[in-house]
Structures are given as C-alpha cells and as structure tokens.
Amino acid sequence: MITHLFFALPASEMSLSPTILALIVVSSIVFIVGFAKSSRENEYKKLMDSFIERKEESDY
C-alpha cells in the first residue's frame, strides 16, 4: 500500500547508468558548493565597498 503513495521511475527505465547518476550527483554538489562560495564572497565585497564608500564620503 505504501508504494501507491509514491510515484517514481527507476533509473533503468530512464536509461540512466550508474556512471551518469554519479556524474549528476557530483555536478550537483559542485554547483551548490560553488554557488554558496561565490555568494559569500559577493556579500563580503559589497560590504567592504559600502564601508569604503562611507569613509570617502566622511573625508569631505
């Protein structure tokens, strides 16, 4: 009865080999880690730019 609650196709019916599945998983992990890293760096850069901008305004 529990099988009626979920709907999914097995990987074999989608013609996905274990190699392709592993490639999809690795690519997904690399994307998520890269996205998180670049987001963190962009936030830091924007914060530093705003501090530099405020300092330049206060110098005048």
C-alpha atoms as a PDB file:
ATOM      1  CA  MET A   1       0.000   0.000   0.000  1.00  0.00           C
ATOM      2  CA  ILE A   2       2.879   2.388   0.667  1.00  0.00           C
ATOM      3  CA  THR A   3       4.034   2.010  -2.926  1.00  0.00           C
ATOM      4  CA  HIS A   4       0.837   3.705  -4.064  1.00  0.00           C
ATOM      5  CA  LEU A   5       1.770   6.863  -2.169  1.00  0.00           C
ATOM      6  CA  PHE A   6       4.947   7.499  -4.136  1.00  0.00           C
ATOM      7  CA  PHE A   7       5.473   7.771  -7.860  1.00  0.00           C
ATOM      8  CA  ALA A   8       8.925   7.410  -9.341  1.00  0.00           C
ATOM      9  CA  LEU A   9      10.600   5.854 -12.309  1.00  0.00           C
ATOM     10  CA  PRO A  10      13.569   3.630 -11.691  1.00  0.00           C
ATOM     11  CA  ALA A  11      16.856   4.797 -13.166  1.00  0.00           C
ATOM     12  CA  SER A  12      16.911   1.807 -15.521  1.00  0.00           C
ATOM     13  CA  GLU A  13      13.639   2.917 -17.128  1.00  0.00           C
ATOM     14  CA  MET A  14      15.109   6.375 -17.704  1.00  0.00           C
ATOM     15  CA  SER A  15      18.211   4.816 -19.304  1.00  0.00           C
ATOM     16  CA  LEU A  16      20.493   6.231 -16.621  1.00  0.00           C
ATOM     17  CA  SER A  17      23.583   4.206 -15.921  1.00  0.00           C
ATOM     18  CA  PRO A  18      25.361   4.332 -12.547  1.00  0.00           C
ATOM     19  CA  THR A  19      28.095   6.422 -14.194  1.00  0.00           C
ATOM     20  CA  ILE A  20      25.611   9.047 -15.347  1.00  0.00           C
ATOM     21  CA  LEU A  21      23.908   9.088 -11.942  1.00  0.00           C
ATOM     22  CA  ALA A  22      27.268   9.593 -10.225  1.00  0.00           C
ATOM     23  CA  LEU A  23      28.089  12.426 -12.643  1.00  0.00           C
ATOM     24  CA  ILE A  24      24.752  14.103 -11.883  1.00  0.00           C
ATOM     25  CA  VAL A  25      25.311  13.839  -8.127  1.00  0.00           C
ATOM     26  CA  VAL A  26      28.891  15.148  -8.293  1.00  0.00           C
ATOM     27  CA  SER A  27      27.886  18.019 -10.587  1.00  0.00           C
ATOM     28  CA  SER A  28      25.057  18.977  -8.251  1.00  0.00           C
ATOM     29  CA  ILE A  29      27.350  19.037  -5.232  1.00  0.00           C
ATOM     30  CA  VAL A  30      29.980  21.102  -7.071  1.00  0.00           C
ATOM     31  CA  PHE A  31      27.304  23.579  -8.196  1.00  0.00           C
ATOM     32  CA  ILE A  32      25.860  24.013  -4.696  1.00  0.00           C
ATOM     33  CA  VAL A  33      29.292  24.464  -3.096  1.00  0.00           C
ATOM     34  CA  GLY A  34      30.406  26.902  -5.809  1.00  0.00           C
ATOM     35  CA  PHE A  35      27.194  28.896  -5.562  1.00  0.00           C
ATOM     36  CA  ALA A  36      27.485  29.167  -1.781  1.00  0.00           C
ATOM     37  CA  LYS A  37      31.139  30.235  -2.017  1.00  0.00           C
ATOM     38  CA  SER A  38      30.518  32.885  -4.664  1.00  0.00           C
ATOM     39  CA  SER A  39      27.502  34.238  -2.788  1.00  0.00           C
ATOM     40  CA  ARG A  40      29.554  34.598   0.379  1.00  0.00           C
ATOM     41  CA  GLU A  41      32.363  36.397  -1.495  1.00  0.00           C
ATOM     42  CA  ASN A  42      29.929  38.767  -3.210  1.00  0.00           C
ATOM     43  CA  GLU A  43      28.322  39.688   0.102  1.00  0.00           C
ATOM     44  CA  TYR A  44      31.753  40.388   1.593  1.00  0.00           C
ATOM     45  CA  LYS A  45      32.761  42.508  -1.406  1.00  0.00           C
ATOM     46  CA  LYS A  46      29.549  44.558  -1.270  1.00  0.00           C
ATOM     47  CA  LEU A  47      30.006  45.108   2.460  1.00  0.00           C
ATOM     48  CA  MET A  48      33.604  46.262   2.033  1.00  0.00           C
ATOM     49  CA  ASP A  49      32.637  48.531  -0.885  1.00  0.00           C
ATOM     50  CA  SER A  50      29.948  50.177   1.234  1.00  0.00           C
ATOM     51  CA  PHE A  51      32.436  50.779   4.082  1.00  0.00           C
ATOM     52  CA  ILE A  52      34.967  52.308   1.671  1.00  0.00           C
ATOM     53  CA  GLU A  53      32.245  54.475   0.139  1.00  0.00           C
ATOM     54  CA  ARG A  54      31.149  55.749   3.559  1.00  0.00           C
ATOM     55  CA  LYS A  55      34.739  56.509   4.538  1.00  0.00           C
ATOM     56  CA  GLU A  56      35.302  58.524   1.359  1.00  0.00           C
ATOM     57  CA  GLU A  57      32.092  60.496   1.976  1.00  0.00           C
ATOM     58  CA  SER A  58      33.135  61.322   5.553  1.00  0.00           C
ATOM     59  CA  ASP A  59      36.543  62.575   4.380  1.00  0.00           C
ATOM     60  CA  TYR A  60      34.931  65.515   2.554  1.00  0.00           C
END
